[in-house]
Amino acid sequence: MMIHVPPDDARQKTARMDHDHYSDAYLRDILTTVRIIAVVGASPRPQRPSHRVMRFLQRHGYRTIPANPFAIGPFAAGGEILGERVHASLAEIEEPIDMVDIFRRSELAGAAVDEAIAVGAKAVWMQLDVRDAAAAARAEAKGLKVVMDRCPAIEIPRLGLAPR
């Protein structure tokens, strides 16, 4: 009797991701391969976490594009946050998106994940305290890498990643 053991990469594609623990290699792979990051829920207010993280990512050499259908005044879609035009949805962004960084409550994150899938993003990153296992499973089924309940502005220095 012969037992077939699939190669490591095949096992990884079929195994469920443990979203409570991410290897440093997994996080490093995402953060070193993405270039363009859409920030869903970006805020024009400097005191908001989404604004601070977007600025951090820009300073580390990433191109960040704000997406926020609820931004008001001059920061609404068509306005600017940190020098980048605000879009009402990911579908309005005309260039390829590598990663979608989600600053939405957990119950709203699934819609942003579905948009990320629709536009062909490579990764979805849900911020601290944001978790949606069903949305993560949908994204992974379409080949996206998923991170939940983490912040790239924390992980980048922890991993010792230098600005680009």
C-alpha atoms as a PDB file:
ATOM      1  CA  MET A   1       0.000   0.000   0.000  1.00  0.00           C
ATOM      2  CA  MET A   2       1.407   3.369  -1.006  1.00  0.00           C
ATOM      3  CA  ILE A   3       0.537   6.540   0.861  1.00  0.00           C
ATOM      4  CA  HIS A   4       0.599   9.764  -1.121  1.00  0.00           C
ATOM      5  CA  VAL A   5       1.854  12.765   0.814  1.00  0.00           C
ATOM      6  CA  PRO A   6       1.344  16.044  -1.040  1.00  0.00           C
ATOM      7  CA  PRO A   7       4.290  18.428  -1.251  1.00  0.00           C
ATOM      8  CA  ASP A   8       4.487  21.200   1.360  1.00  0.00           C
ATOM      9  CA  ASP A   9       3.105  23.892  -0.941  1.00  0.00           C
ATOM     10  CA  ALA A  10       0.038  21.766  -1.768  1.00  0.00           C
ATOM     11  CA  ARG A  11      -0.609  21.095   1.915  1.00  0.00           C
ATOM     12  CA  GLN A  12      -0.393  24.820   2.671  1.00  0.00           C
ATOM     13  CA  LYS A  13      -3.020  25.612   0.024  1.00  0.00           C
ATOM     14  CA  THR A  14      -5.489  23.135   1.493  1.00  0.00           C
ATOM     15  CA  ALA A  15      -4.758  23.678   5.189  1.00  0.00           C
ATOM     16  CA  ARG A  16      -6.817  26.238   7.062  1.00  0.00           C
ATOM     17  CA  MET A  17      -4.827  29.261   8.123  1.00  0.00           C
ATOM     18  CA  ASP A  18      -4.391  29.771  11.852  1.00  0.00           C
ATOM     19  CA  HIS A  19      -5.491  33.376  12.245  1.00  0.00           C
ATOM     20  CA  ASP A  20      -4.492  33.484  15.884  1.00  0.00           C
ATOM     21  CA  HIS A  21      -0.820  32.977  15.086  1.00  0.00           C
ATOM     22  CA  TYR A  22       1.133  34.146  12.062  1.00  0.00           C
ATOM     23  CA  SER A  23       4.705  33.207  11.379  1.00  0.00           C
ATOM     24  CA  ASP A  24       7.179  36.030  10.979  1.00  0.00           C
ATOM     25  CA  ALA A  25       7.963  34.622   7.527  1.00  0.00           C
ATOM     26  CA  TYR A  26       4.299  34.906   6.470  1.00  0.00           C
ATOM     27  CA  LEU A  27       4.014  38.512   7.640  1.00  0.00           C
ATOM     28  CA  ARG A  28       7.414  39.425   6.203  1.00  0.00           C
ATOM     29  CA  ASP A  29       6.449  37.936   2.831  1.00  0.00           C
ATOM     30  CA  ILE A  30       3.343  40.097   2.642  1.00  0.00           C
ATOM     31  CA  LEU A  31       5.034  43.280   3.825  1.00  0.00           C
ATOM     32  CA  THR A  32       8.048  42.934   1.535  1.00  0.00           C
ATOM     33  CA  THR A  33       6.124  42.068  -1.635  1.00  0.00           C
ATOM     34  CA  VAL A  34       3.275  44.599  -1.561  1.00  0.00           C
ATOM     35  CA  ARG A  35       3.801  48.099  -2.900  1.00  0.00           C
ATOM     36  CA  ILE A  36       0.356  49.668  -3.285  1.00  0.00           C
ATOM     37  CA  ILE A  37      -1.918  49.566  -0.250  1.00  0.00           C
ATOM     38  CA  ALA A  38      -5.538  50.727  -0.240  1.00  0.00           C
ATOM     39  CA  VAL A  39      -6.518  51.973   3.218  1.00  0.00           C
ATOM     40  CA  VAL A  40     -10.240  51.334   3.716  1.00  0.00           C
ATOM     41  CA  GLY A  41     -11.657  53.646   6.361  1.00  0.00           C
ATOM     42  CA  ALA A  42      -8.847  56.188   5.979  1.00  0.00           C
ATOM     43  CA  SER A  43      -9.466  59.313   8.034  1.00  0.00           C
ATOM     44  CA  PRO A  44      -8.363  62.879   7.385  1.00  0.00           C
ATOM     45  CA  ARG A  45      -8.025  63.431  11.152  1.00  0.00           C
ATOM     46  CA  PRO A  46      -4.386  63.084  12.295  1.00  0.00           C
ATOM     47  CA  GLN A  47      -5.410  61.667  15.679  1.00  0.00           C
ATOM     48  CA  ARG A  48      -7.170  58.675  14.092  1.00  0.00           C
ATOM     49  CA  PRO A  49      -5.263  55.367  13.875  1.00  0.00           C
ATOM     50  CA  SER A  50      -5.993  54.998  10.142  1.00  0.00           C
ATOM     51  CA  HIS A  51      -4.361  58.376   9.450  1.00  0.00           C
ATOM     52  CA  ARG A  52      -1.298  57.578  11.551  1.00  0.00           C
ATOM     53  CA  VAL A  53      -0.853  54.130   9.986  1.00  0.00           C
ATOM     54  CA  MET A  54      -1.311  55.504   6.472  1.00  0.00           C
ATOM     55  CA  ARG A  55       1.373  58.125   7.155  1.00  0.00           C
ATOM     56  CA  PHE A  56       3.670  55.455   8.644  1.00  0.00           C
ATOM     57  CA  LEU A  57       3.258  53.264   5.564  1.00  0.00           C
ATOM     58  CA  GLN A  58       3.993  56.219   3.263  1.00  0.00           C
ATOM     59  CA  ARG A  59       7.152  57.013   5.209  1.00  0.00           C
ATOM     60  CA  HIS A  60       8.237  53.402   4.774  1.00  0.00           C
ATOM     61  CA  GLY A  61       7.958  53.638   1.011  1.00  0.00           C
ATOM     62  CA  TYR A  62       4.530  52.159   0.349  1.00  0.00           C
ATOM     63  CA  ARG A  63       2.055  53.882  -1.941  1.00  0.00           C
ATOM     64  CA  THR A  64      -1.151  54.288   0.046  1.00  0.00           C
ATOM     65  CA  ILE A  65      -4.529  55.080  -1.474  1.00  0.00           C
ATOM     66  CA  PRO A  66      -7.378  56.108   0.860  1.00  0.00           C
ATOM     67  CA  ALA A  67     -10.824  54.611   0.358  1.00  0.00           C
ATOM     68  CA  ASN A  68     -13.654  55.885   2.504  1.00  0.00           C
ATOM     69  CA  PRO A  69     -17.233  56.255   1.332  1.00  0.00           C
ATOM     70  CA  PHE A  70     -18.098  58.059   4.570  1.00  0.00           C
ATOM     71  CA  ALA A  71     -15.430  60.780   4.571  1.00  0.00           C
ATOM     72  CA  ILE A  72     -17.006  64.235   4.721  1.00  0.00           C
ATOM     73  CA  GLY A  73     -16.297  67.708   3.384  1.00  0.00           C
ATOM     74  CA  PRO A  74     -13.106  68.215   1.400  1.00  0.00           C
ATOM     75  CA  PHE A  75     -11.977  64.722   2.415  1.00  0.00           C
ATOM     76  CA  ALA A  76     -14.896  62.952   0.745  1.00  0.00           C
ATOM     77  CA  ALA A  77     -14.292  60.958  -2.412  1.00  0.00           C
ATOM     78  CA  GLY A  78     -12.320  63.168  -4.746  1.00  0.00           C
ATOM     79  CA  GLY A  79     -10.668  65.046  -1.875  1.00  0.00           C
ATOM     80  CA  GLU A  80      -7.224  64.228  -0.487  1.00  0.00           C
ATOM     81  CA  ILE A  81      -5.726  62.590   2.575  1.00  0.00           C
ATOM     82  CA  LEU A  82      -1.953  62.788   2.996  1.00  0.00           C
ATOM     83  CA  GLY A  83      -1.548  63.861  -0.617  1.00  0.00           C
ATOM     84  CA  GLU A  84      -3.581  60.985  -2.062  1.00  0.00           C
ATOM     85  CA  ARG A  85      -6.987  61.220  -3.703  1.00  0.00           C
ATOM     86  CA  VAL A  86      -9.805  59.666  -1.642  1.00  0.00           C
ATOM     87  CA  HIS A  87     -11.941  57.024  -3.375  1.00  0.00           C
ATOM     88  CA  ALA A  88     -15.436  55.979  -2.328  1.00  0.00           C
ATOM     89  CA  SER A  89     -14.688  52.320  -3.087  1.00  0.00           C
ATOM     90  CA  LEU A  90     -11.850  50.034  -4.120  1.00  0.00           C
ATOM     91  CA  ALA A  91     -13.454  49.629  -7.546  1.00  0.00           C
ATOM     92  CA  GLU A  92     -12.805  53.338  -8.215  1.00  0.00           C
ATOM     93  CA  ILE A  93      -9.048  52.924  -7.803  1.00  0.00           C
ATOM     94  CA  GLU A  94      -7.579  52.756 -11.287  1.00  0.00           C
ATOM     95  CA  GLU A  95      -4.294  51.028 -10.501  1.00  0.00           C
ATOM     96  CA  PRO A  96      -3.641  47.495  -9.242  1.00  0.00           C
ATOM     97  CA  ILE A  97      -3.945  47.110  -5.471  1.00  0.00           C
ATOM     98  CA  ASP A  98      -1.518  44.766  -3.755  1.00  0.00           C
ATOM     99  CA  MET A  99      -2.973  44.898  -0.242  1.00  0.00           C
ATOM    100  CA  VAL A 100      -6.119  46.234   1.383  1.00  0.00           C
ATOM    101  CA  ASP A 101      -5.643  47.509   4.946  1.00  0.00           C
ATOM    102  CA  ILE A 102      -9.055  47.530   6.645  1.00  0.00           C
ATOM    103  CA  PHE A 103      -9.971  50.051   9.345  1.00  0.00           C
ATOM    104  CA  ARG A 104     -13.610  49.052   9.749  1.00  0.00           C
ATOM    105  CA  ARG A 105     -15.510  47.358  12.542  1.00  0.00           C
ATOM    106  CA  SER A 106     -15.489  43.567  12.313  1.00  0.00           C
ATOM    107  CA  GLU A 107     -19.128  43.428  11.208  1.00  0.00           C
ATOM    108  CA  LEU A 108     -18.287  45.719   8.246  1.00  0.00           C
ATOM    109  CA  ALA A 109     -14.970  44.143   7.308  1.00  0.00           C
ATOM    110  CA  GLY A 110     -16.528  41.439   5.140  1.00  0.00           C
ATOM    111  CA  ALA A 111     -17.757  43.959   2.577  1.00  0.00           C
ATOM    112  CA  ALA A 112     -14.242  45.412   2.278  1.00  0.00           C
ATOM    113  CA  VAL A 113     -12.812  41.902   1.905  1.00  0.00           C
ATOM    114  CA  ASP A 114     -15.303  41.137  -0.857  1.00  0.00           C
ATOM    115  CA  GLU A 115     -14.271  44.353  -2.627  1.00  0.00           C
ATOM    116  CA  ALA A 116     -10.607  43.345  -2.265  1.00  0.00           C
ATOM    117  CA  ILE A 117     -11.378  39.994  -3.880  1.00  0.00           C
ATOM    118  CA  ALA A 118     -13.300  41.695  -6.695  1.00  0.00           C
ATOM    119  CA  VAL A 119     -10.437  44.081  -7.574  1.00  0.00           C
ATOM    120  CA  GLY A 120      -7.801  41.337  -7.510  1.00  0.00           C
ATOM    121  CA  ALA A 121      -5.832  42.365  -4.420  1.00  0.00           C
ATOM    122  CA  LYS A 122      -3.134  39.941  -3.309  1.00  0.00           C
ATOM    123  CA  ALA A 123      -3.602  40.410   0.439  1.00  0.00           C
ATOM    124  CA  VAL A 124      -6.123  41.631   2.989  1.00  0.00           C
ATOM    125  CA  TRP A 125      -4.973  43.022   6.324  1.00  0.00           C
ATOM    126  CA  MET A 126      -7.571  43.596   9.045  1.00  0.00           C
ATOM    127  CA  GLN A 127      -6.440  45.984  11.729  1.00  0.00           C
ATOM    128  CA  LEU A 128      -6.273  45.458  15.489  1.00  0.00           C
ATOM    129  CA  ASP A 129      -9.531  44.082  16.918  1.00  0.00           C
ATOM    130  CA  VAL A 130     -10.922  43.447  13.426  1.00  0.00           C
ATOM    131  CA  ARG A 131     -11.780  39.815  12.711  1.00  0.00           C
ATOM    132  CA  ASP A 132     -14.107  38.121  10.249  1.00  0.00           C
ATOM    133  CA  ALA A 133     -13.398  34.420   9.826  1.00  0.00           C
ATOM    134  CA  ALA A 134     -15.993  33.944   7.067  1.00  0.00           C
ATOM    135  CA  ALA A 135     -14.551  36.827   5.035  1.00  0.00           C
ATOM    136  CA  ALA A 136     -11.030  35.489   5.603  1.00  0.00           C
ATOM    137  CA  ALA A 137     -12.112  32.077   4.293  1.00  0.00           C
ATOM    138  CA  ARG A 138     -13.663  33.677   1.179  1.00  0.00           C
ATOM    139  CA  ALA A 139     -10.466  35.616   0.502  1.00  0.00           C
ATOM    140  CA  GLU A 140      -8.210  32.603   1.036  1.00  0.00           C
ATOM    141  CA  ALA A 141     -10.407  30.516  -1.260  1.00  0.00           C
ATOM    142  CA  LYS A 142      -9.651  33.088  -3.984  1.00  0.00           C
ATOM    143  CA  GLY A 143      -5.907  32.966  -3.271  1.00  0.00           C
ATOM    144  CA  LEU A 144      -5.489  36.099  -1.156  1.00  0.00           C
ATOM    145  CA  LYS A 145      -3.270  36.147   1.905  1.00  0.00           C
ATOM    146  CA  VAL A 146      -5.138  37.255   5.012  1.00  0.00           C
ATOM    147  CA  VAL A 147      -4.050  38.811   8.295  1.00  0.00           C
ATOM    148  CA  MET A 148      -6.512  39.677  11.067  1.00  0.00           C
ATOM    149  CA  ASP A 149      -6.178  41.618  14.314  1.00  0.00           C
ATOM    150  CA  ARG A 150      -2.703  42.975  13.506  1.00  0.00           C
ATOM    151  CA  CYS A 151      -1.251  46.322  12.497  1.00  0.00           C
ATOM    152  CA  PRO A 152       1.446  46.691   9.836  1.00  0.00           C
ATOM    153  CA  ALA A 153       2.786  49.761  11.667  1.00  0.00           C
ATOM    154  CA  ILE A 154       3.546  47.461  14.604  1.00  0.00           C
ATOM    155  CA  GLU A 155       4.722  44.473  12.572  1.00  0.00           C
ATOM    156  CA  ILE A 156       7.118  46.371  10.273  1.00  0.00           C
ATOM    157  CA  PRO A 157       9.400  47.608  13.097  1.00  0.00           C
ATOM    158  CA  ARG A 158       9.009  44.338  15.037  1.00  0.00           C
ATOM    159  CA  LEU A 159      10.228  42.420  11.989  1.00  0.00           C
ATOM    160  CA  GLY A 160      13.054  44.908  11.475  1.00  0.00           C
ATOM    161  CA  LEU A 161      11.909  45.864   7.987  1.00  0.00           C
ATOM    162  CA  ALA A 162      13.736  48.960   6.773  1.00  0.00           C
ATOM    163  CA  PRO A 163      11.984  51.697   4.795  1.00  0.00           C
ATOM    164  CA  ARG A 164      12.078  51.075   1.061  1.00  0.00           C
END
